[in-house]
Amino acid sequence: MSSFNRPEPAPMLSRLSARTLFLLLFLFCAGLLGFGLYLQHFRGLEPCPMCIMQRYALALVGLVALAGALHGPRNGGARIYGALILLIAIAGGGVAARQSWIQLYPPAIPECGPGLEYMLESFGLTQALPMIFRGAGDCTAIDWTFLGLSIANWSLLSFALILLLAGHLIVRRQVRRWY
């Protein structure tokens, strides 16, 4: 048999089942959320309200991906899960893009609200607790970087990757398994 009769190998993502892709996406989201919690609780970086909104979007993407992994949908179902993930990732990516923008061009007055110390001193713990849940850091502050990119920049890149994967899940054909 000549090499001209062999079909071209499928790209890596096309060889994986939708269930596997959803599971990998769930693990990616869980890892990012875990790293965010590490930075918050062990490195002392307080998340701002925009960071909290990005965490919610990432958690929603992870939950939809987990549901897709557990369900193991075929073509139509994978497209529906992919479309839900796409919509959530657009929202989260929009927040990350806005935060990246205001970090590059900070406004004269921070848009995100006061810091944690100020809230505790001014309002006390009982009133500050709901504010803390919404996030206390300054959205314009760049407290941590890796390879020259801030957390908001990395979040934007992560949402862009999620968008690409969701788009792939929407347009791809289902891999046929014979086992």
N, C-alpha and C. Protein backbone atom coordinates (compact mmCIF):
# COMPACT_ATOMS: atom_id res chain seq x y z
N MET A 1 0.84 -1.16 0.00
CA MET A 1 0.00 0.00 0.00
C MET A 1 0.90 1.23 0.00
N SER A 2 0.67 2.14 -0.89
CA SER A 2 1.52 3.33 -0.98
C SER A 2 1.08 4.37 0.03
N SER A 3 1.98 5.28 0.30
CA SER A 3 1.68 6.33 1.28
C SER A 3 0.66 7.32 0.75
N PHE A 4 0.39 7.30 -0.56
CA PHE A 4 -0.59 8.23 -1.12
C PHE A 4 -2.02 7.81 -0.78
N ASN A 5 -2.24 6.56 -0.44
CA ASN A 5 -3.58 6.08 -0.12
C ASN A 5 -3.95 6.26 1.35
N ARG A 6 -2.97 6.58 2.16
CA ARG A 6 -3.24 6.74 3.59
C ARG A 6 -3.88 8.11 3.84
N PRO A 7 -4.87 8.14 4.71
CA PRO A 7 -5.46 9.44 5.05
C PRO A 7 -4.49 10.24 5.91
N GLU A 8 -4.61 11.55 5.82
CA GLU A 8 -3.79 12.45 6.64
C GLU A 8 -4.18 12.25 8.11
N PRO A 9 -3.20 12.27 8.99
CA PRO A 9 -3.55 12.17 10.41
C PRO A 9 -4.34 13.40 10.85
N ALA A 10 -5.31 13.16 11.71
CA ALA A 10 -6.13 14.26 12.22
C ALA A 10 -5.33 15.09 13.22
N PRO A 11 -5.60 16.39 13.30
CA PRO A 11 -4.94 17.20 14.32
C PRO A 11 -5.26 16.67 15.72
N MET A 12 -4.43 17.02 16.66
CA MET A 12 -4.53 16.50 18.03
C MET A 12 -5.93 16.66 18.62
N LEU A 13 -6.51 17.85 18.54
CA LEU A 13 -7.82 18.08 19.13
C LEU A 13 -8.91 17.25 18.47
N SER A 14 -8.78 17.01 17.18
CA SER A 14 -9.80 16.24 16.47
C SER A 14 -9.77 14.77 16.84
N ARG A 15 -8.63 14.30 17.33
CA ARG A 15 -8.54 12.89 17.72
C ARG A 15 -9.14 12.62 19.09
N LEU A 16 -9.33 13.66 19.88
CA LEU A 16 -9.87 13.48 21.22
C LEU A 16 -11.39 13.54 21.19
N SER A 17 -12.02 12.75 22.01
CA SER A 17 -13.48 12.77 22.09
C SER A 17 -13.93 14.06 22.77
N ALA A 18 -15.20 14.40 22.57
CA ALA A 18 -15.76 15.60 23.21
C ALA A 18 -15.68 15.46 24.72
N ARG A 19 -15.93 14.27 25.23
CA ARG A 19 -15.86 14.02 26.67
C ARG A 19 -14.47 14.33 27.22
N THR A 20 -13.44 13.91 26.50
CA THR A 20 -12.07 14.17 26.92
C THR A 20 -11.75 15.66 26.88
N LEU A 21 -12.21 16.34 25.83
CA LEU A 21 -11.97 17.79 25.73
C LEU A 21 -12.67 18.54 26.86
N PHE A 22 -13.89 18.14 27.18
CA PHE A 22 -14.60 18.77 28.30
C PHE A 22 -13.87 18.52 29.62
N LEU A 23 -13.38 17.31 29.81
CA LEU A 23 -12.65 16.99 31.03
C LEU A 23 -11.37 17.82 31.13
N LEU A 24 -10.63 17.93 30.03
CA LEU A 24 -9.41 18.74 30.03
C LEU A 24 -9.73 20.21 30.32
N LEU A 25 -10.81 20.70 29.76
CA LEU A 25 -11.21 22.08 30.01
C LEU A 25 -11.59 22.28 31.47
N PHE A 26 -12.30 21.32 32.04
CA PHE A 26 -12.64 21.40 33.47
C PHE A 26 -11.37 21.44 34.32
N LEU A 27 -10.40 20.58 34.02
CA LEU A 27 -9.15 20.54 34.79
C LEU A 27 -8.37 21.85 34.63
N PHE A 28 -8.39 22.42 33.43
CA PHE A 28 -7.74 23.71 33.16
C PHE A 28 -8.36 24.80 34.04
N CYS A 29 -9.69 24.86 34.06
CA CYS A 29 -10.39 25.87 34.87
C CYS A 29 -10.13 25.65 36.35
N ALA A 30 -10.17 24.41 36.80
CA ALA A 30 -9.92 24.11 38.21
C ALA A 30 -8.49 24.52 38.60
N GLY A 31 -7.55 24.27 37.72
CA GLY A 31 -6.17 24.67 37.98
C GLY A 31 -6.02 26.18 38.08
N LEU A 32 -6.66 26.90 37.17
CA LEU A 32 -6.58 28.37 37.21
C LEU A 32 -7.25 28.92 38.47
N LEU A 33 -8.40 28.39 38.82
CA LEU A 33 -9.07 28.84 40.04
C LEU A 33 -8.23 28.50 41.28
N GLY A 34 -7.65 27.33 41.30
CA GLY A 34 -6.78 26.95 42.41
C GLY A 34 -5.57 27.87 42.53
N PHE A 35 -4.99 28.26 41.40
CA PHE A 35 -3.85 29.17 41.43
C PHE A 35 -4.28 30.55 41.92
N GLY A 36 -5.46 30.99 41.51
CA GLY A 36 -5.98 32.26 42.00
C GLY A 36 -6.18 32.26 43.51
N LEU A 37 -6.69 31.15 44.02
CA LEU A 37 -6.88 31.03 45.47
C LEU A 37 -5.53 30.96 46.19
N TYR A 38 -4.55 30.31 45.57
CA TYR A 38 -3.19 30.29 46.14
C TYR A 38 -2.64 31.71 46.23
N LEU A 39 -2.76 32.48 45.16
CA LEU A 39 -2.26 33.86 45.18
C LEU A 39 -2.98 34.69 46.24
N GLN A 40 -4.26 34.44 46.42
CA GLN A 40 -5.03 35.20 47.40
C GLN A 40 -4.68 34.82 48.83
N HIS A 41 -4.69 33.52 49.13
CA HIS A 41 -4.55 33.09 50.51
C HIS A 41 -3.12 32.86 50.98
N PHE A 42 -2.20 32.57 50.08
CA PHE A 42 -0.83 32.29 50.48
C PHE A 42 0.15 33.40 50.10
N ARG A 43 -0.19 34.16 49.07
CA ARG A 43 0.67 35.28 48.67
C ARG A 43 0.10 36.63 49.09
N GLY A 44 -1.12 36.65 49.60
CA GLY A 44 -1.72 37.87 50.12
C GLY A 44 -2.23 38.84 49.07
N LEU A 45 -2.49 38.39 47.87
CA LEU A 45 -3.01 39.27 46.82
C LEU A 45 -4.54 39.28 46.88
N GLU A 46 -5.10 40.40 47.25
CA GLU A 46 -6.56 40.51 47.34
C GLU A 46 -7.16 40.70 45.95
N PRO A 47 -8.16 39.92 45.61
CA PRO A 47 -8.79 40.08 44.29
C PRO A 47 -9.68 41.32 44.27
N CYS A 48 -9.73 41.94 43.13
CA CYS A 48 -10.61 43.10 42.95
C CYS A 48 -11.97 42.61 42.44
N PRO A 49 -12.97 43.48 42.36
CA PRO A 49 -14.27 43.04 41.85
C PRO A 49 -14.21 42.45 40.44
N MET A 50 -13.35 42.99 39.59
CA MET A 50 -13.24 42.44 38.24
C MET A 50 -12.62 41.04 38.27
N CYS A 51 -11.67 40.83 39.19
CA CYS A 51 -11.07 39.50 39.34
C CYS A 51 -12.12 38.49 39.80
N ILE A 52 -12.97 38.92 40.73
CA ILE A 52 -14.03 38.04 41.23
C ILE A 52 -14.98 37.67 40.09
N MET A 53 -15.34 38.65 39.24
CA MET A 53 -16.23 38.35 38.11
C MET A 53 -15.58 37.37 37.15
N GLN A 54 -14.26 37.51 36.94
CA GLN A 54 -13.55 36.56 36.08
C GLN A 54 -13.52 35.17 36.71
N ARG A 55 -13.40 35.11 38.02
CA ARG A 55 -13.44 33.81 38.70
C ARG A 55 -14.80 33.15 38.53
N TYR A 56 -15.86 33.95 38.66
CA TYR A 56 -17.21 33.40 38.46
C TYR A 56 -17.34 32.84 37.04
N ALA A 57 -16.87 33.59 36.06
CA ALA A 57 -16.96 33.13 34.67
C ALA A 57 -16.15 31.84 34.48
N LEU A 58 -14.96 31.80 35.07
CA LEU A 58 -14.12 30.61 34.96
C LEU A 58 -14.78 29.42 35.65
N ALA A 59 -15.39 29.66 36.81
CA ALA A 59 -16.08 28.58 37.52
C ALA A 59 -17.27 28.08 36.70
N LEU A 60 -18.01 28.99 36.07
CA LEU A 60 -19.14 28.56 35.22
C LEU A 60 -18.67 27.76 34.02
N VAL A 61 -17.59 28.20 33.39
CA VAL A 61 -17.03 27.42 32.28
C VAL A 61 -16.65 26.03 32.77
N GLY A 62 -15.99 25.97 33.94
CA GLY A 62 -15.59 24.68 34.50
C GLY A 62 -16.77 23.78 34.80
N LEU A 63 -17.84 24.36 35.34
CA LEU A 63 -19.03 23.55 35.66
C LEU A 63 -19.72 23.03 34.39
N VAL A 64 -19.82 23.87 33.37
CA VAL A 64 -20.41 23.42 32.10
C VAL A 64 -19.52 22.34 31.48
N ALA A 65 -18.21 22.54 31.54
CA ALA A 65 -17.29 21.53 31.00
C ALA A 65 -17.39 20.22 31.78
N LEU A 66 -17.53 20.30 33.11
CA LEU A 66 -17.70 19.09 33.90
C LEU A 66 -19.00 18.38 33.54
N ALA A 67 -20.06 19.14 33.36
CA ALA A 67 -21.33 18.54 32.94
C ALA A 67 -21.17 17.87 31.58
N GLY A 68 -20.45 18.50 30.67
CA GLY A 68 -20.20 17.90 29.36
C GLY A 68 -19.35 16.63 29.47
N ALA A 69 -18.38 16.65 30.37
CA ALA A 69 -17.53 15.47 30.55
C ALA A 69 -18.33 14.31 31.14
N LEU A 70 -19.19 14.60 32.09
CA LEU A 70 -20.00 13.55 32.70
C LEU A 70 -21.08 13.04 31.74
N HIS A 71 -21.63 13.93 30.95
CA HIS A 71 -22.69 13.57 30.02
C HIS A 71 -22.15 12.83 28.80
N GLY A 72 -20.98 13.24 28.30
CA GLY A 72 -20.41 12.62 27.12
C GLY A 72 -21.28 12.77 25.89
N PRO A 73 -21.65 13.99 25.51
CA PRO A 73 -22.60 14.20 24.42
C PRO A 73 -22.04 13.86 23.05
N ARG A 74 -22.93 13.63 22.12
CA ARG A 74 -22.56 13.44 20.72
C ARG A 74 -22.51 14.80 20.05
N ASN A 75 -22.61 14.84 18.74
CA ASN A 75 -22.45 16.08 17.96
C ASN A 75 -23.29 17.24 18.46
N GLY A 76 -24.61 17.09 18.47
CA GLY A 76 -25.50 18.19 18.85
C GLY A 76 -25.29 18.64 20.28
N GLY A 77 -25.18 17.69 21.20
CA GLY A 77 -24.97 18.03 22.60
C GLY A 77 -23.63 18.72 22.84
N ALA A 78 -22.59 18.25 22.16
CA ALA A 78 -21.28 18.88 22.30
C ALA A 78 -21.33 20.31 21.79
N ARG A 79 -22.09 20.53 20.74
CA ARG A 79 -22.22 21.90 20.20
C ARG A 79 -22.96 22.81 21.18
N ILE A 80 -23.98 22.28 21.85
CA ILE A 80 -24.72 23.08 22.83
C ILE A 80 -23.82 23.43 24.02
N TYR A 81 -23.11 22.44 24.55
CA TYR A 81 -22.17 22.72 25.63
C TYR A 81 -21.10 23.71 25.17
N GLY A 82 -20.60 23.51 23.97
CA GLY A 82 -19.60 24.43 23.41
C GLY A 82 -20.12 25.85 23.28
N ALA A 83 -21.38 26.00 22.87
CA ALA A 83 -21.98 27.33 22.72
C ALA A 83 -22.14 28.00 24.09
N LEU A 84 -22.55 27.23 25.10
CA LEU A 84 -22.66 27.79 26.46
C LEU A 84 -21.30 28.26 26.96
N ILE A 85 -20.29 27.43 26.76
CA ILE A 85 -18.94 27.78 27.17
C ILE A 85 -18.46 29.02 26.42
N LEU A 86 -18.76 29.08 25.14
CA LEU A 86 -18.38 30.23 24.32
C LEU A 86 -18.98 31.52 24.87
N LEU A 87 -20.26 31.51 25.19
CA LEU A 87 -20.92 32.71 25.71
C LEU A 87 -20.33 33.15 27.05
N ILE A 88 -20.10 32.19 27.94
CA ILE A 88 -19.53 32.52 29.24
C ILE A 88 -18.10 33.05 29.08
N ALA A 89 -17.33 32.43 28.19
CA ALA A 89 -15.95 32.87 27.97
C ALA A 89 -15.89 34.26 27.34
N ILE A 90 -16.86 34.60 26.51
CA ILE A 90 -16.91 35.95 25.95
C ILE A 90 -17.12 36.97 27.07
N ALA A 91 -18.03 36.66 27.99
CA ALA A 91 -18.28 37.56 29.12
C ALA A 91 -17.03 37.68 30.00
N GLY A 92 -16.45 36.57 30.38
CA GLY A 92 -15.24 36.61 31.22
C GLY A 92 -14.08 37.27 30.52
N GLY A 93 -13.92 36.99 29.23
CA GLY A 93 -12.86 37.62 28.45
C GLY A 93 -13.07 39.12 28.31
N GLY A 94 -14.33 39.54 28.22
CA GLY A 94 -14.62 40.97 28.15
C GLY A 94 -14.20 41.69 29.42
N VAL A 95 -14.47 41.07 30.56
CA VAL A 95 -14.06 41.67 31.83
C VAL A 95 -12.53 41.70 31.92
N ALA A 96 -11.87 40.61 31.51
CA ALA A 96 -10.41 40.57 31.55
C ALA A 96 -9.81 41.60 30.59
N ALA A 97 -10.43 41.78 29.43
CA ALA A 97 -9.94 42.78 28.48
C ALA A 97 -10.08 44.18 29.06
N ARG A 98 -11.23 44.45 29.69
CA ARG A 98 -11.44 45.77 30.31
C ARG A 98 -10.43 46.00 31.43
N GLN A 99 -10.18 44.99 32.25
CA GLN A 99 -9.21 45.17 33.33
C GLN A 99 -7.80 45.36 32.77
N SER A 100 -7.45 44.63 31.73
CA SER A 100 -6.14 44.81 31.11
C SER A 100 -6.01 46.24 30.58
N TRP A 101 -7.10 46.74 30.00
CA TRP A 101 -7.09 48.11 29.46
C TRP A 101 -6.89 49.14 30.57
N ILE A 102 -7.64 49.00 31.68
CA ILE A 102 -7.50 50.00 32.73
C ILE A 102 -6.18 49.86 33.48
N GLN A 103 -5.54 48.69 33.39
CA GLN A 103 -4.20 48.58 33.96
C GLN A 103 -3.18 49.30 33.10
N LEU A 104 -3.39 49.27 31.79
CA LEU A 104 -2.50 50.01 30.89
C LEU A 104 -2.73 51.51 30.97
N TYR A 105 -3.99 51.91 31.07
CA TYR A 105 -4.37 53.32 31.10
C TYR A 105 -5.24 53.57 32.33
N PRO A 106 -4.60 53.63 33.52
CA PRO A 106 -5.40 53.76 34.74
C PRO A 106 -6.13 55.11 34.81
N PRO A 107 -7.39 55.08 35.26
CA PRO A 107 -8.13 56.33 35.43
C PRO A 107 -7.60 57.10 36.65
N ALA A 108 -7.93 58.35 36.73
CA ALA A 108 -7.48 59.18 37.85
C ALA A 108 -8.04 58.66 39.18
N ILE A 109 -9.28 58.19 39.15
CA ILE A 109 -9.91 57.62 40.34
C ILE A 109 -10.18 56.15 40.06
N PRO A 110 -9.64 55.25 40.88
CA PRO A 110 -9.87 53.82 40.64
C PRO A 110 -11.36 53.50 40.60
N GLU A 111 -11.73 52.65 39.66
CA GLU A 111 -13.14 52.32 39.44
C GLU A 111 -13.63 51.17 40.29
N CYS A 112 -12.75 50.48 40.98
CA CYS A 112 -13.13 49.23 41.63
C CYS A 112 -13.50 49.33 43.08
N GLY A 113 -13.26 50.43 43.71
CA GLY A 113 -13.62 50.55 45.11
C GLY A 113 -12.42 50.56 46.03
N PRO A 114 -12.66 50.71 47.33
CA PRO A 114 -11.59 50.85 48.31
C PRO A 114 -10.90 49.52 48.61
N GLY A 115 -9.74 49.61 49.26
CA GLY A 115 -8.97 48.44 49.64
C GLY A 115 -9.54 47.77 50.88
N LEU A 116 -9.04 46.57 51.18
CA LEU A 116 -9.53 45.77 52.30
C LEU A 116 -9.33 46.47 53.64
N GLU A 117 -8.15 47.02 53.87
CA GLU A 117 -7.87 47.69 55.15
C GLU A 117 -8.83 48.85 55.38
N TYR A 118 -9.04 49.65 54.37
CA TYR A 118 -9.95 50.78 54.49
C TYR A 118 -11.36 50.31 54.83
N MET A 119 -11.83 49.26 54.15
CA MET A 119 -13.19 48.76 54.41
C MET A 119 -13.34 48.26 55.84
N LEU A 120 -12.34 47.51 56.34
CA LEU A 120 -12.42 46.99 57.70
C LEU A 120 -12.39 48.12 58.73
N GLU A 121 -11.56 49.13 58.49
CA GLU A 121 -11.47 50.25 59.42
C GLU A 121 -12.73 51.11 59.37
N SER A 122 -13.28 51.30 58.20
CA SER A 122 -14.42 52.21 58.04
C SER A 122 -15.76 51.57 58.35
N PHE A 123 -15.93 50.30 58.02
CA PHE A 123 -17.25 49.68 58.12
C PHE A 123 -17.35 48.60 59.18
N GLY A 124 -16.25 48.08 59.66
CA GLY A 124 -16.30 46.96 60.58
C GLY A 124 -16.48 45.66 59.81
N LEU A 125 -16.28 44.57 60.50
CA LEU A 125 -16.28 43.26 59.85
C LEU A 125 -17.64 42.88 59.29
N THR A 126 -18.73 43.13 60.02
CA THR A 126 -20.05 42.69 59.56
C THR A 126 -20.49 43.40 58.29
N GLN A 127 -20.18 44.67 58.15
CA GLN A 127 -20.54 45.38 56.93
C GLN A 127 -19.53 45.14 55.81
N ALA A 128 -18.27 44.91 56.19
CA ALA A 128 -17.22 44.72 55.18
C ALA A 128 -17.27 43.34 54.55
N LEU A 129 -17.84 42.33 55.28
CA LEU A 129 -17.86 40.97 54.75
C LEU A 129 -18.51 40.86 53.37
N PRO A 130 -19.70 41.41 53.16
CA PRO A 130 -20.26 41.34 51.80
C PRO A 130 -19.38 42.04 50.77
N MET A 131 -18.74 43.14 51.18
CA MET A 131 -17.85 43.85 50.26
C MET A 131 -16.62 43.00 49.93
N ILE A 132 -16.12 42.27 50.94
CA ILE A 132 -14.95 41.41 50.73
C ILE A 132 -15.30 40.32 49.72
N PHE A 133 -16.51 39.78 49.82
CA PHE A 133 -16.92 38.73 48.88
C PHE A 133 -16.95 39.27 47.45
N ARG A 134 -17.27 40.53 47.31
CA ARG A 134 -17.28 41.13 45.97
C ARG A 134 -15.88 41.46 45.50
N GLY A 135 -14.89 41.43 46.36
CA GLY A 135 -13.52 41.75 46.00
C GLY A 135 -13.12 43.08 46.60
N ALA A 136 -11.87 43.18 47.01
CA ALA A 136 -11.44 44.38 47.71
C ALA A 136 -10.26 45.07 47.05
N GLY A 137 -9.56 44.42 46.17
CA GLY A 137 -8.37 45.00 45.58
C GLY A 137 -8.69 46.07 44.56
N ASP A 138 -7.66 46.79 44.17
CA ASP A 138 -7.76 47.84 43.16
C ASP A 138 -7.55 47.19 41.79
N CYS A 139 -8.50 47.38 40.90
CA CYS A 139 -8.43 46.74 39.58
C CYS A 139 -7.30 47.28 38.71
N THR A 140 -6.81 48.48 39.03
CA THR A 140 -5.73 49.05 38.23
C THR A 140 -4.36 48.60 38.71
N ALA A 141 -4.28 48.07 39.93
CA ALA A 141 -3.00 47.66 40.50
C ALA A 141 -2.49 46.38 39.84
N ILE A 142 -1.20 46.35 39.58
CA ILE A 142 -0.55 45.14 39.05
C ILE A 142 0.36 44.64 40.16
N ASP A 143 -0.14 43.68 40.92
CA ASP A 143 0.58 43.17 42.08
C ASP A 143 1.44 41.94 41.77
N TRP A 144 1.21 41.31 40.64
CA TRP A 144 1.91 40.08 40.29
C TRP A 144 2.04 40.00 38.78
N THR A 145 3.20 39.61 38.31
CA THR A 145 3.40 39.40 36.87
C THR A 145 4.19 38.11 36.65
N PHE A 146 3.99 37.54 35.49
CA PHE A 146 4.76 36.39 35.04
C PHE A 146 5.01 36.59 33.57
N LEU A 147 6.27 36.55 33.17
CA LEU A 147 6.69 36.80 31.79
C LEU A 147 6.20 38.17 31.31
N GLY A 148 6.14 39.12 32.22
CA GLY A 148 5.75 40.48 31.86
C GLY A 148 4.26 40.71 31.73
N LEU A 149 3.45 39.71 32.02
CA LEU A 149 1.99 39.84 31.92
C LEU A 149 1.35 39.80 33.30
N SER A 150 0.34 40.65 33.49
CA SER A 150 -0.37 40.69 34.76
C SER A 150 -1.38 39.55 34.84
N ILE A 151 -2.00 39.41 35.98
CA ILE A 151 -3.03 38.38 36.16
C ILE A 151 -4.18 38.61 35.17
N ALA A 152 -4.57 39.87 34.98
CA ALA A 152 -5.64 40.18 34.02
C ALA A 152 -5.24 39.78 32.60
N ASN A 153 -3.97 40.01 32.24
CA ASN A 153 -3.50 39.61 30.91
C ASN A 153 -3.54 38.10 30.75
N TRP A 154 -3.09 37.37 31.77
CA TRP A 154 -3.14 35.91 31.71
C TRP A 154 -4.57 35.40 31.68
N SER A 155 -5.45 36.08 32.39
CA SER A 155 -6.86 35.71 32.36
C SER A 155 -7.43 35.90 30.96
N LEU A 156 -7.08 37.02 30.33
CA LEU A 156 -7.54 37.27 28.96
C LEU A 156 -7.03 36.20 28.00
N LEU A 157 -5.77 35.81 28.14
CA LEU A 157 -5.24 34.73 27.29
C LEU A 157 -5.95 33.40 27.56
N SER A 158 -6.23 33.14 28.83
CA SER A 158 -6.93 31.90 29.18
C SER A 158 -8.33 31.87 28.57
N PHE A 159 -9.05 32.99 28.66
CA PHE A 159 -10.38 33.04 28.06
C PHE A 159 -10.30 32.94 26.54
N ALA A 160 -9.24 33.48 25.94
CA ALA A 160 -9.06 33.34 24.49
C ALA A 160 -8.87 31.87 24.11
N LEU A 161 -8.08 31.14 24.91
CA LEU A 161 -7.90 29.70 24.66
C LEU A 161 -9.22 28.95 24.82
N ILE A 162 -9.97 29.32 25.84
CA ILE A 162 -11.27 28.68 26.07
C ILE A 162 -12.20 28.96 24.89
N LEU A 163 -12.17 30.19 24.37
CA LEU A 163 -12.98 30.54 23.20
C LEU A 163 -12.61 29.69 21.99
N LEU A 164 -11.30 29.51 21.77
CA LEU A 164 -10.86 28.68 20.65
C LEU A 164 -11.33 27.24 20.80
N LEU A 165 -11.21 26.70 22.01
CA LEU A 165 -11.66 25.32 22.25
C LEU A 165 -13.16 25.21 22.08
N ALA A 166 -13.91 26.19 22.60
CA ALA A 166 -15.37 26.16 22.45
C ALA A 166 -15.75 26.24 20.97
N GLY A 167 -15.08 27.10 20.22
CA GLY A 167 -15.33 27.17 18.78
C GLY A 167 -15.03 25.85 18.10
N HIS A 168 -13.96 25.21 18.51
CA HIS A 168 -13.62 23.89 17.94
C HIS A 168 -14.71 22.87 18.26
N LEU A 169 -15.22 22.89 19.48
CA LEU A 169 -16.28 21.96 19.87
C LEU A 169 -17.56 22.21 19.07
N ILE A 170 -17.80 23.45 18.70
CA ILE A 170 -19.01 23.78 17.96
C ILE A 170 -18.92 23.33 16.50
N VAL A 171 -17.76 23.49 15.88
CA VAL A 171 -17.67 23.22 14.44
C VAL A 171 -17.12 21.85 14.07
N ARG A 172 -16.55 21.15 15.01
CA ARG A 172 -15.91 19.86 14.67
C ARG A 172 -16.93 18.75 14.45
N ARG A 173 -16.46 17.76 13.76
CA ARG A 173 -17.26 16.53 13.62
C ARG A 173 -16.86 15.59 14.73
N GLN A 174 -17.82 14.83 15.21
CA GLN A 174 -17.59 13.89 16.30
C GLN A 174 -16.63 12.80 15.86
N VAL A 175 -15.70 12.46 16.74
CA VAL A 175 -14.76 11.37 16.49
C VAL A 175 -15.51 10.04 16.64
N ARG A 176 -15.37 9.17 15.67
CA ARG A 176 -16.00 7.85 15.78
C ARG A 176 -15.09 6.88 16.48
N ARG A 177 -15.62 6.26 17.47
CA ARG A 177 -14.86 5.24 18.22
C ARG A 177 -15.48 3.88 17.91
N TRP A 178 -14.64 2.91 17.68
CA TRP A 178 -15.12 1.56 17.34
C TRP A 178 -15.00 0.63 18.53
N TYR A 179 -14.82 1.16 19.70
CA TYR A 179 -14.71 0.28 20.88
C TYR A 179 -15.69 0.69 21.93
